[in-house]
Amino acid sequence: MKREATRSIGEAIAAYVQESHLEEGLLQARIFTVWDRMTVGSVALGPCTSYHSFKNGVLTCRIRSSVVRAHLQLQAEAIRLRLNAKLKGAYVNQLKLT
């Protein structure tokens, strides 16, 4: 048995994720986690989002409270920029609050 080039565990996991086409799902999970952490911290009301969706750069969030939704809509662009900063990339192009 001939030994092939060795890889680090990080490289092996990255290769597995790419071969299994898991990038999109992992990105969505990261986006939703960052969103939940940001909104719980800023609103201090606990979880206020009842639904998330991320498709084609648009993050859609259904907000339970109309008051919280109005507050977040006023800051939508700043929130989008903070989301992308925390994600270290320009993934979210539009934030849609319903």
N, C-alpha and C. Protein backbone atom coordinates (compact mmCIF):
# COMPACT_ATOMS: atom_id res chain seq x y z
N MET A 1 0.84 -1.17 0.00
CA MET A 1 0.00 0.00 0.00
C MET A 1 0.89 1.24 0.00
N LYS A 2 0.68 2.07 -0.98
CA LYS A 2 1.48 3.27 -1.12
C LYS A 2 0.77 4.44 -0.42
N ARG A 3 1.53 5.19 0.31
CA ARG A 3 0.97 6.33 1.05
C ARG A 3 0.80 7.51 0.09
N GLU A 4 -0.38 8.11 0.14
CA GLU A 4 -0.66 9.29 -0.68
C GLU A 4 -0.38 10.54 0.13
N ALA A 5 -0.55 11.67 -0.50
CA ALA A 5 -0.32 12.94 0.18
C ALA A 5 -1.29 13.07 1.35
N THR A 6 -0.77 13.46 2.48
CA THR A 6 -1.62 13.60 3.66
C THR A 6 -2.33 14.95 3.64
N ARG A 7 -3.50 14.98 4.27
CA ARG A 7 -4.27 16.21 4.39
C ARG A 7 -4.61 16.43 5.85
N SER A 8 -4.79 17.68 6.19
CA SER A 8 -5.23 17.97 7.56
C SER A 8 -6.70 17.63 7.67
N ILE A 9 -7.19 17.53 8.90
CA ILE A 9 -8.60 17.22 9.12
C ILE A 9 -9.49 18.32 8.56
N GLY A 10 -9.04 19.56 8.65
CA GLY A 10 -9.80 20.68 8.10
C GLY A 10 -9.94 20.58 6.59
N GLU A 11 -8.87 20.19 5.92
CA GLU A 11 -8.92 20.03 4.47
C GLU A 11 -9.84 18.88 4.09
N ALA A 12 -9.79 17.79 4.87
CA ALA A 12 -10.63 16.63 4.59
C ALA A 12 -12.11 16.98 4.77
N ILE A 13 -12.44 17.73 5.81
CA ILE A 13 -13.83 18.13 6.05
C ILE A 13 -14.30 19.07 4.95
N ALA A 14 -13.45 20.03 4.56
CA ALA A 14 -13.82 20.96 3.49
C ALA A 14 -14.07 20.21 2.18
N ALA A 15 -13.25 19.22 1.89
CA ALA A 15 -13.44 18.43 0.68
C ALA A 15 -14.75 17.64 0.74
N TYR A 16 -15.05 17.08 1.90
CA TYR A 16 -16.29 16.32 2.07
C TYR A 16 -17.52 17.23 1.90
N VAL A 17 -17.48 18.42 2.49
CA VAL A 17 -18.59 19.36 2.38
C VAL A 17 -18.81 19.74 0.92
N GLN A 18 -17.73 19.98 0.19
CA GLN A 18 -17.84 20.36 -1.22
C GLN A 18 -18.35 19.19 -2.06
N GLU A 19 -17.85 18.00 -1.84
CA GLU A 19 -18.28 16.82 -2.60
C GLU A 19 -19.74 16.47 -2.33
N SER A 20 -20.20 16.73 -1.12
CA SER A 20 -21.58 16.40 -0.73
C SER A 20 -22.57 17.53 -1.01
N HIS A 21 -22.08 18.65 -1.55
CA HIS A 21 -22.91 19.81 -1.88
C HIS A 21 -23.66 20.33 -0.65
N LEU A 22 -22.95 20.50 0.44
CA LEU A 22 -23.55 20.96 1.69
C LEU A 22 -23.31 22.44 1.96
N GLU A 23 -22.61 23.14 1.06
CA GLU A 23 -22.25 24.53 1.31
C GLU A 23 -23.47 25.42 1.54
N GLU A 24 -24.49 25.28 0.69
CA GLU A 24 -25.68 26.14 0.78
C GLU A 24 -26.40 25.95 2.12
N GLY A 25 -26.57 24.72 2.54
CA GLY A 25 -27.26 24.45 3.81
C GLY A 25 -26.47 24.95 5.00
N LEU A 26 -25.16 24.79 4.97
CA LEU A 26 -24.33 25.28 6.07
C LEU A 26 -24.33 26.81 6.12
N LEU A 27 -24.33 27.45 4.95
CA LEU A 27 -24.40 28.91 4.90
C LEU A 27 -25.72 29.39 5.48
N GLN A 28 -26.83 28.73 5.11
CA GLN A 28 -28.13 29.11 5.66
C GLN A 28 -28.15 28.97 7.18
N ALA A 29 -27.61 27.90 7.68
CA ALA A 29 -27.57 27.69 9.13
C ALA A 29 -26.77 28.78 9.82
N ARG A 30 -25.64 29.17 9.22
CA ARG A 30 -24.82 30.26 9.79
C ARG A 30 -25.59 31.57 9.79
N ILE A 31 -26.26 31.88 8.68
CA ILE A 31 -27.02 33.13 8.56
C ILE A 31 -28.13 33.18 9.60
N PHE A 32 -28.88 32.09 9.74
CA PHE A 32 -29.98 32.06 10.70
C PHE A 32 -29.47 32.18 12.13
N THR A 33 -28.35 31.56 12.44
CA THR A 33 -27.77 31.65 13.78
C THR A 33 -27.35 33.07 14.10
N VAL A 34 -26.68 33.72 13.15
CA VAL A 34 -26.25 35.11 13.37
C VAL A 34 -27.47 36.02 13.50
N TRP A 35 -28.48 35.82 12.67
CA TRP A 35 -29.71 36.63 12.75
C TRP A 35 -30.35 36.49 14.13
N ASP A 36 -30.50 35.26 14.60
CA ASP A 36 -31.13 35.04 15.90
C ASP A 36 -30.33 35.69 17.03
N ARG A 37 -29.03 35.57 16.98
CA ARG A 37 -28.20 36.20 18.02
C ARG A 37 -28.32 37.71 17.98
N MET A 38 -28.37 38.29 16.79
CA MET A 38 -28.46 39.75 16.68
C MET A 38 -29.82 40.26 17.15
N THR A 39 -30.89 39.59 16.78
CA THR A 39 -32.22 40.10 17.13
C THR A 39 -32.54 39.87 18.60
N VAL A 40 -32.15 38.75 19.16
CA VAL A 40 -32.40 38.51 20.59
C VAL A 40 -31.63 39.53 21.41
N GLY A 41 -30.40 39.85 21.02
CA GLY A 41 -29.60 40.81 21.75
C GLY A 41 -30.12 42.23 21.62
N SER A 42 -30.61 42.60 20.43
CA SER A 42 -31.03 43.98 20.23
C SER A 42 -32.45 44.24 20.75
N VAL A 43 -33.32 43.28 20.64
CA VAL A 43 -34.70 43.47 21.04
C VAL A 43 -34.92 43.11 22.50
N ALA A 44 -34.17 42.16 22.98
CA ALA A 44 -34.24 41.69 24.37
C ALA A 44 -35.63 41.17 24.74
N LEU A 45 -36.31 40.58 23.77
CA LEU A 45 -37.63 40.01 24.03
C LEU A 45 -37.64 38.50 23.85
N GLY A 46 -36.51 37.93 23.66
CA GLY A 46 -36.46 36.51 23.34
C GLY A 46 -36.59 36.34 21.84
N PRO A 47 -36.80 35.12 21.40
CA PRO A 47 -36.91 34.88 19.96
C PRO A 47 -38.13 35.58 19.38
N CYS A 48 -37.92 36.45 18.41
CA CYS A 48 -39.03 37.18 17.81
C CYS A 48 -39.32 36.72 16.40
N THR A 49 -38.49 35.84 15.83
CA THR A 49 -38.65 35.38 14.47
C THR A 49 -39.35 34.03 14.46
N SER A 50 -40.44 33.92 13.70
CA SER A 50 -41.15 32.64 13.63
C SER A 50 -40.78 31.85 12.39
N TYR A 51 -40.11 32.48 11.42
CA TYR A 51 -39.77 31.79 10.17
C TYR A 51 -38.59 32.48 9.53
N HIS A 52 -37.66 31.67 8.97
CA HIS A 52 -36.52 32.19 8.20
C HIS A 52 -36.55 31.58 6.81
N SER A 53 -36.04 32.31 5.86
CA SER A 53 -35.82 31.77 4.53
C SER A 53 -34.66 32.53 3.91
N PHE A 54 -33.77 31.82 3.23
CA PHE A 54 -32.67 32.48 2.53
C PHE A 54 -32.55 31.87 1.15
N LYS A 55 -32.76 32.71 0.14
CA LYS A 55 -32.67 32.23 -1.24
C LYS A 55 -32.21 33.37 -2.13
N ASN A 56 -31.23 33.10 -2.97
CA ASN A 56 -30.71 34.07 -3.94
C ASN A 56 -30.32 35.40 -3.29
N GLY A 57 -29.71 35.34 -2.13
CA GLY A 57 -29.23 36.54 -1.46
C GLY A 57 -30.27 37.31 -0.68
N VAL A 58 -31.51 36.82 -0.63
CA VAL A 58 -32.58 37.50 0.09
C VAL A 58 -32.90 36.73 1.36
N LEU A 59 -32.72 37.39 2.49
CA LEU A 59 -33.07 36.81 3.78
C LEU A 59 -34.45 37.32 4.15
N THR A 60 -35.41 36.38 4.24
CA THR A 60 -36.78 36.71 4.59
C THR A 60 -37.04 36.21 6.00
N CYS A 61 -37.54 37.09 6.86
CA CYS A 61 -37.82 36.73 8.25
C CYS A 61 -39.24 37.17 8.59
N ARG A 62 -40.01 36.25 9.16
CA ARG A 62 -41.35 36.58 9.63
C ARG A 62 -41.23 36.94 11.11
N ILE A 63 -41.61 38.17 11.43
CA ILE A 63 -41.49 38.69 12.79
C ILE A 63 -42.87 38.62 13.45
N ARG A 64 -42.90 38.09 14.66
CA ARG A 64 -44.17 37.89 15.38
C ARG A 64 -44.83 39.20 15.78
N SER A 65 -44.06 40.16 16.21
CA SER A 65 -44.61 41.42 16.73
C SER A 65 -44.52 42.52 15.67
N SER A 66 -45.62 43.21 15.45
CA SER A 66 -45.62 44.31 14.48
C SER A 66 -44.75 45.48 14.96
N VAL A 67 -44.69 45.69 16.26
CA VAL A 67 -43.87 46.76 16.81
C VAL A 67 -42.39 46.46 16.58
N VAL A 68 -41.99 45.22 16.84
CA VAL A 68 -40.60 44.81 16.63
C VAL A 68 -40.27 44.87 15.14
N ARG A 69 -41.21 44.43 14.29
CA ARG A 69 -40.99 44.46 12.85
C ARG A 69 -40.75 45.89 12.36
N ALA A 70 -41.56 46.82 12.83
CA ALA A 70 -41.40 48.22 12.44
C ALA A 70 -40.05 48.76 12.90
N HIS A 71 -39.66 48.40 14.10
CA HIS A 71 -38.36 48.83 14.64
C HIS A 71 -37.22 48.27 13.78
N LEU A 72 -37.31 47.01 13.42
CA LEU A 72 -36.25 46.38 12.61
C LEU A 72 -36.23 46.91 11.18
N GLN A 73 -37.40 47.23 10.63
CA GLN A 73 -37.45 47.75 9.26
C GLN A 73 -36.77 49.11 9.15
N LEU A 74 -36.83 49.89 10.21
CA LEU A 74 -36.14 51.18 10.19
C LEU A 74 -34.63 51.01 10.12
N GLN A 75 -34.15 49.89 10.62
CA GLN A 75 -32.71 49.62 10.67
C GLN A 75 -32.28 48.52 9.71
N ALA A 76 -33.11 48.19 8.72
CA ALA A 76 -32.86 47.03 7.86
C ALA A 76 -31.50 47.07 7.18
N GLU A 77 -31.12 48.21 6.63
CA GLU A 77 -29.84 48.28 5.91
C GLU A 77 -28.66 48.13 6.86
N ALA A 78 -28.72 48.75 8.02
CA ALA A 78 -27.65 48.61 9.01
C ALA A 78 -27.56 47.17 9.50
N ILE A 79 -28.70 46.52 9.69
CA ILE A 79 -28.71 45.12 10.12
C ILE A 79 -28.10 44.23 9.05
N ARG A 80 -28.45 44.49 7.79
CA ARG A 80 -27.89 43.71 6.68
C ARG A 80 -26.37 43.84 6.62
N LEU A 81 -25.88 45.03 6.81
CA LEU A 81 -24.43 45.26 6.80
C LEU A 81 -23.75 44.55 7.97
N ARG A 82 -24.38 44.60 9.15
CA ARG A 82 -23.82 43.90 10.32
C ARG A 82 -23.84 42.39 10.13
N LEU A 83 -24.90 41.88 9.53
CA LEU A 83 -24.97 40.44 9.23
C LEU A 83 -23.81 40.02 8.35
N ASN A 84 -23.61 40.75 7.25
CA ASN A 84 -22.52 40.42 6.34
C ASN A 84 -21.15 40.56 7.00
N ALA A 85 -21.01 41.54 7.88
CA ALA A 85 -19.74 41.71 8.59
C ALA A 85 -19.47 40.52 9.51
N LYS A 86 -20.50 40.06 10.20
CA LYS A 86 -20.32 38.92 11.10
C LYS A 86 -20.11 37.62 10.33
N LEU A 87 -20.68 37.53 9.13
CA LEU A 87 -20.51 36.35 8.29
C LEU A 87 -19.21 36.40 7.50
N LYS A 88 -18.55 37.56 7.50
CA LYS A 88 -17.29 37.77 6.79
C LYS A 88 -17.43 37.51 5.30
N GLY A 89 -18.46 38.12 4.73
CA GLY A 89 -18.71 38.00 3.29
C GLY A 89 -19.97 38.76 2.93
N ALA A 90 -20.19 38.94 1.64
CA ALA A 90 -21.38 39.65 1.17
C ALA A 90 -22.42 38.63 0.71
N TYR A 91 -23.05 37.96 1.67
CA TYR A 91 -24.01 36.92 1.35
C TYR A 91 -25.43 37.45 1.27
N VAL A 92 -25.81 38.33 2.20
CA VAL A 92 -27.17 38.85 2.26
C VAL A 92 -27.23 40.15 1.47
N ASN A 93 -27.98 40.12 0.34
CA ASN A 93 -28.12 41.31 -0.50
C ASN A 93 -29.34 42.13 -0.12
N GLN A 94 -30.35 41.46 0.41
CA GLN A 94 -31.60 42.14 0.78
C GLN A 94 -32.17 41.48 2.02
N LEU A 95 -32.72 42.30 2.90
CA LEU A 95 -33.38 41.82 4.12
C LEU A 95 -34.86 42.15 4.00
N LYS A 96 -35.68 41.09 4.02
CA LYS A 96 -37.12 41.26 3.85
C LYS A 96 -37.81 40.84 5.14
N LEU A 97 -38.52 41.76 5.78
CA LEU A 97 -39.20 41.49 7.05
C LEU A 97 -40.70 41.46 6.81
N THR A 98 -41.34 40.37 7.19
CA THR A 98 -42.78 40.24 6.99
C THR A 98 -43.47 39.97 8.29
